[in-house]
């Protein structure tokens, strides 16, 4: 939630700055449209965390594991936006909680759909990136 608010704030701030510069009559600045940020542009910190966890799950640090885990995240990013990825991971972590609290993460259709999409993306990425 905090990342979403930060991202929204930064995006809004950047838009205001760009708009202010583009509408400045004192300078002849050609308004250019910034390239659209890809929906699957995962933050570096989250990419590193994913790769480190993946490497640990696949037997430790080696060039092959590091490369394959980076590939795996790239393949997942092609199918899920970062927000969907983050929500699916959160639902996956919380679904194991017992009782009603766990049910709030397990039962909603959004939770089931996102967890299914993540599972399918991970399985496909695993097959594409890891040589068996």
C-alpha atoms as a PDB file:
ATOM      1  CA  UNK A   1       0.000   0.000   0.000  1.00  0.00           C
ATOM      2  CA  UNK A   2       2.823   2.404   0.906  1.00  0.00           C
ATOM      3  CA  UNK A   3       4.615   1.660  -2.374  1.00  0.00           C
ATOM      4  CA  UNK A   4       1.417   2.346  -4.302  1.00  0.00           C
ATOM      5  CA  UNK A   5       0.949   5.697  -2.569  1.00  0.00           C
ATOM      6  CA  UNK A   6       4.599   6.617  -3.109  1.00  0.00           C
ATOM      7  CA  UNK A   7       4.371   5.662  -6.764  1.00  0.00           C
ATOM      8  CA  UNK A   8       1.156   7.650  -7.191  1.00  0.00           C
ATOM      9  CA  UNK A   9       2.663  10.677  -5.450  1.00  0.00           C
ATOM     10  CA  UNK A  10       5.876  10.523  -7.500  1.00  0.00           C
ATOM     11  CA  UNK A  11       3.940  10.094 -10.739  1.00  0.00           C
ATOM     12  CA  UNK A  12       1.669  13.033  -9.916  1.00  0.00           C
ATOM     13  CA  UNK A  13       4.653  15.195  -8.932  1.00  0.00           C
ATOM     14  CA  UNK A  14       6.533  14.322 -12.102  1.00  0.00           C
ATOM     15  CA  UNK A  15       3.445  15.095 -14.197  1.00  0.00           C
ATOM     16  CA  UNK A  16       3.118  18.510 -12.566  1.00  0.00           C
ATOM     17  CA  UNK A  17       6.786  19.260 -13.139  1.00  0.00           C
ATOM     18  CA  UNK A  18       6.646  18.196 -16.782  1.00  0.00           C
ATOM     19  CA  UNK A  19       3.402  20.093 -17.369  1.00  0.00           C
ATOM     20  CA  UNK A  20       4.810  23.191 -15.687  1.00  0.00           C
ATOM     21  CA  UNK A  21       7.905  23.103 -17.872  1.00  0.00           C
ATOM     22  CA  UNK A  22       5.949  22.452 -21.044  1.00  0.00           C
ATOM     23  CA  UNK A  23       3.545  25.341 -20.399  1.00  0.00           C
ATOM     24  CA  UNK A  24       6.244  27.894 -19.567  1.00  0.00           C
ATOM     25  CA  UNK A  25       5.726  30.701 -22.101  1.00  0.00           C
ATOM     26  CA  UNK A  26       9.144  32.264 -21.341  1.00  0.00           C
ATOM     27  CA  UNK A  27      10.980  29.281 -22.733  1.00  0.00           C
ATOM     28  CA  UNK A  28      10.364  27.686 -26.045  1.00  0.00           C
ATOM     29  CA  UNK A  29      10.380  24.125 -24.857  1.00  0.00           C
ATOM     30  CA  UNK A  30       8.951  21.539 -27.139  1.00  0.00           C
ATOM     31  CA  UNK A  31       6.621  19.359 -25.103  1.00  0.00           C
ATOM     32  CA  UNK A  32       7.748  15.805 -25.374  1.00  0.00           C
ATOM     33  CA  UNK A  33       5.890  12.832 -24.133  1.00  0.00           C
ATOM     34  CA  UNK A  34       7.939  10.722 -21.796  1.00  0.00           C
ATOM     35  CA  UNK A  35       8.032   7.078 -22.771  1.00  0.00           C
ATOM     36  CA  UNK A  36       5.311   5.122 -21.091  1.00  0.00           C
ATOM     37  CA  UNK A  37       6.567   3.237 -18.097  1.00  0.00           C
ATOM     38  CA  UNK A  38       5.938  -0.418 -18.637  1.00  0.00           C
ATOM     39  CA  UNK A  39       3.446  -2.014 -16.280  1.00  0.00           C
ATOM     40  CA  UNK A  40       5.973  -4.771 -15.664  1.00  0.00           C
ATOM     41  CA  UNK A  41       8.798  -2.467 -14.611  1.00  0.00           C
ATOM     42  CA  UNK A  42       9.517  -4.061 -11.248  1.00  0.00           C
ATOM     43  CA  UNK A  43      11.515  -2.018  -8.708  1.00  0.00           C
ATOM     44  CA  UNK A  44      15.178  -2.991  -8.456  1.00  0.00           C
ATOM     45  CA  UNK A  45      14.917  -3.862  -4.766  1.00  0.00           C
ATOM     46  CA  UNK A  46      12.110  -6.310  -5.444  1.00  0.00           C
ATOM     47  CA  UNK A  47      13.997  -7.830  -8.384  1.00  0.00           C
ATOM     48  CA  UNK A  48      17.079  -8.398  -6.227  1.00  0.00           C
ATOM     49  CA  UNK A  49      15.015  -9.896  -3.417  1.00  0.00           C
ATOM     50  CA  UNK A  50      13.268 -12.249  -5.849  1.00  0.00           C
ATOM     51  CA  UNK A  51      16.527 -13.383  -7.449  1.00  0.00           C
ATOM     52  CA  UNK A  52      18.234 -13.965  -4.091  1.00  0.00           C
ATOM     53  CA  UNK A  53      15.286 -16.038  -2.810  1.00  0.00           C
ATOM     54  CA  UNK A  54      15.128 -17.961  -6.077  1.00  0.00           C
ATOM     55  CA  UNK A  55      18.875 -18.678  -6.017  1.00  0.00           C
ATOM     56  CA  UNK A  56      18.593 -19.962  -2.443  1.00  0.00           C
ATOM     57  CA  UNK A  57      15.722 -22.269  -3.471  1.00  0.00           C
ATOM     58  CA  UNK A  58      17.741 -23.646  -6.377  1.00  0.00           C
ATOM     59  CA  UNK A  59      20.856 -24.691  -4.505  1.00  0.00           C
ATOM     60  CA  UNK A  60      22.844 -21.560  -3.914  1.00  0.00           C
ATOM     61  CA  UNK A  61      24.676 -18.849  -5.754  1.00  0.00           C
ATOM     62  CA  UNK A  62      26.127 -19.757  -9.100  1.00  0.00           C
ATOM     63  CA  UNK A  63      26.179 -17.935 -12.400  1.00  0.00           C
ATOM     64  CA  UNK A  64      23.680 -20.367 -13.882  1.00  0.00           C
ATOM     65  CA  UNK A  65      21.217 -20.040 -10.992  1.00  0.00           C
ATOM     66  CA  UNK A  66      21.582 -16.276 -10.908  1.00  0.00           C
ATOM     67  CA  UNK A  67      20.969 -15.998 -14.655  1.00  0.00           C
ATOM     68  CA  UNK A  68      18.044 -18.448 -14.581  1.00  0.00           C
ATOM     69  CA  UNK A  69      16.400 -16.670 -11.640  1.00  0.00           C
ATOM     70  CA  UNK A  70      16.721 -13.292 -13.386  1.00  0.00           C
ATOM     71  CA  UNK A  71      15.218 -14.892 -16.482  1.00  0.00           C
ATOM     72  CA  UNK A  72      12.388 -16.329 -14.377  1.00  0.00           C
ATOM     73  CA  UNK A  73      11.458 -12.918 -13.007  1.00  0.00           C
ATOM     74  CA  UNK A  74      11.590 -11.383 -16.497  1.00  0.00           C
ATOM     75  CA  UNK A  75       9.198 -14.068 -17.757  1.00  0.00           C
ATOM     76  CA  UNK A  76       6.843 -13.471 -14.818  1.00  0.00           C
ATOM     77  CA  UNK A  77       7.017  -9.719 -15.441  1.00  0.00           C
ATOM     78  CA  UNK A  78       5.863 -10.294 -19.034  1.00  0.00           C
ATOM     79  CA  UNK A  79       2.633 -11.780 -17.678  1.00  0.00           C
ATOM     80  CA  UNK A  80       1.940  -9.830 -14.473  1.00  0.00           C
ATOM     81  CA  UNK A  81       2.250  -6.162 -13.628  1.00  0.00           C
ATOM     82  CA  UNK A  82       4.232  -5.453 -10.498  1.00  0.00           C
ATOM     83  CA  UNK A  83       1.070  -4.522  -8.591  1.00  0.00           C
ATOM     84  CA  UNK A  84      -0.570  -7.842  -9.505  1.00  0.00           C
ATOM     85  CA  UNK A  85       2.635  -9.727  -8.689  1.00  0.00           C
ATOM     86  CA  UNK A  86       2.901  -8.046  -5.302  1.00  0.00           C
ATOM     87  CA  UNK A  87      -0.773  -8.655  -4.496  1.00  0.00           C
ATOM     88  CA  UNK A  88      -0.539 -12.317  -5.553  1.00  0.00           C
ATOM     89  CA  UNK A  89       2.558 -12.838  -3.376  1.00  0.00           C
ATOM     90  CA  UNK A  90       0.811 -11.177  -0.434  1.00  0.00           C
ATOM     91  CA  UNK A  91      -2.292 -13.329  -0.880  1.00  0.00           C
ATOM     92  CA  UNK A  92      -0.074 -16.403  -1.129  1.00  0.00           C
ATOM     93  CA  UNK A  93       1.709 -15.580   2.132  1.00  0.00           C
ATOM     94  CA  UNK A  94      -1.496 -14.755   4.012  1.00  0.00           C
ATOM     95  CA  UNK A  95      -3.626 -17.661   2.800  1.00  0.00           C
ATOM     96  CA  UNK A  96      -1.961 -20.040   5.263  1.00  0.00           C
ATOM     97  CA  UNK A  97      -3.227 -18.060   8.259  1.00  0.00           C
ATOM     98  CA  UNK A  98      -5.840 -19.964  10.207  1.00  0.00           C
ATOM     99  CA  UNK A  99      -9.444 -18.911  10.654  1.00  0.00           C
ATOM    100  CA  UNK A 100     -11.243 -15.856   9.378  1.00  0.00           C
ATOM    101  CA  UNK A 101      -8.070 -13.805   8.990  1.00  0.00           C
ATOM    102  CA  UNK A 102      -6.669 -16.325   6.529  1.00  0.00           C
ATOM    103  CA  UNK A 103     -10.050 -16.579   4.846  1.00  0.00           C
ATOM    104  CA  UNK A 104      -9.882 -12.889   3.918  1.00  0.00           C
ATOM    105  CA  UNK A 105      -6.774 -13.681   1.860  1.00  0.00           C
ATOM    106  CA  UNK A 106      -7.885 -17.129   0.651  1.00  0.00           C
ATOM    107  CA  UNK A 107     -11.512 -16.753  -0.331  1.00  0.00           C
ATOM    108  CA  UNK A 108     -12.014 -13.619  -2.475  1.00  0.00           C
ATOM    109  CA  UNK A 109     -12.168 -14.171  -6.228  1.00  0.00           C
ATOM    110  CA  UNK A 110      -9.401 -11.605  -6.764  1.00  0.00           C
ATOM    111  CA  UNK A 111      -7.110 -13.580  -4.459  1.00  0.00           C
ATOM    112  CA  UNK A 112      -7.816 -16.866  -6.222  1.00  0.00           C
ATOM    113  CA  UNK A 113      -7.381 -15.335  -9.672  1.00  0.00           C
ATOM    114  CA  UNK A 114      -4.112 -13.581  -8.863  1.00  0.00           C
ATOM    115  CA  UNK A 115      -2.646 -16.626  -7.103  1.00  0.00           C
ATOM    116  CA  UNK A 116      -3.578 -18.766 -10.105  1.00  0.00           C
ATOM    117  CA  UNK A 117      -2.018 -16.285 -12.550  1.00  0.00           C
ATOM    118  CA  UNK A 118       1.158 -16.153 -10.470  1.00  0.00           C
ATOM    119  CA  UNK A 119       1.378 -19.929 -10.224  1.00  0.00           C
ATOM    120  CA  UNK A 120       0.930 -20.318 -13.981  1.00  0.00           C
ATOM    121  CA  UNK A 121       3.486 -17.579 -14.701  1.00  0.00           C
ATOM    122  CA  UNK A 122       6.008 -19.143 -12.297  1.00  0.00           C
ATOM    123  CA  UNK A 123       5.551 -22.627 -13.769  1.00  0.00           C
ATOM    124  CA  UNK A 124       5.948 -21.348 -17.312  1.00  0.00           C
ATOM    125  CA  UNK A 125       9.002 -19.278 -16.354  1.00  0.00           C
ATOM    126  CA  UNK A 126      10.556 -22.225 -14.526  1.00  0.00           C
ATOM    127  CA  UNK A 127      10.241 -24.376 -17.670  1.00  0.00           C
ATOM    128  CA  UNK A 128      11.624 -21.610 -19.907  1.00  0.00           C
ATOM    129  CA  UNK A 129      14.582 -20.551 -17.788  1.00  0.00           C
ATOM    130  CA  UNK A 130      15.908 -23.592 -15.952  1.00  0.00           C
ATOM    131  CA  UNK A 131      17.692 -26.365 -17.798  1.00  0.00           C
ATOM    132  CA  UNK A 132      16.897 -29.736 -16.288  1.00  0.00           C
END
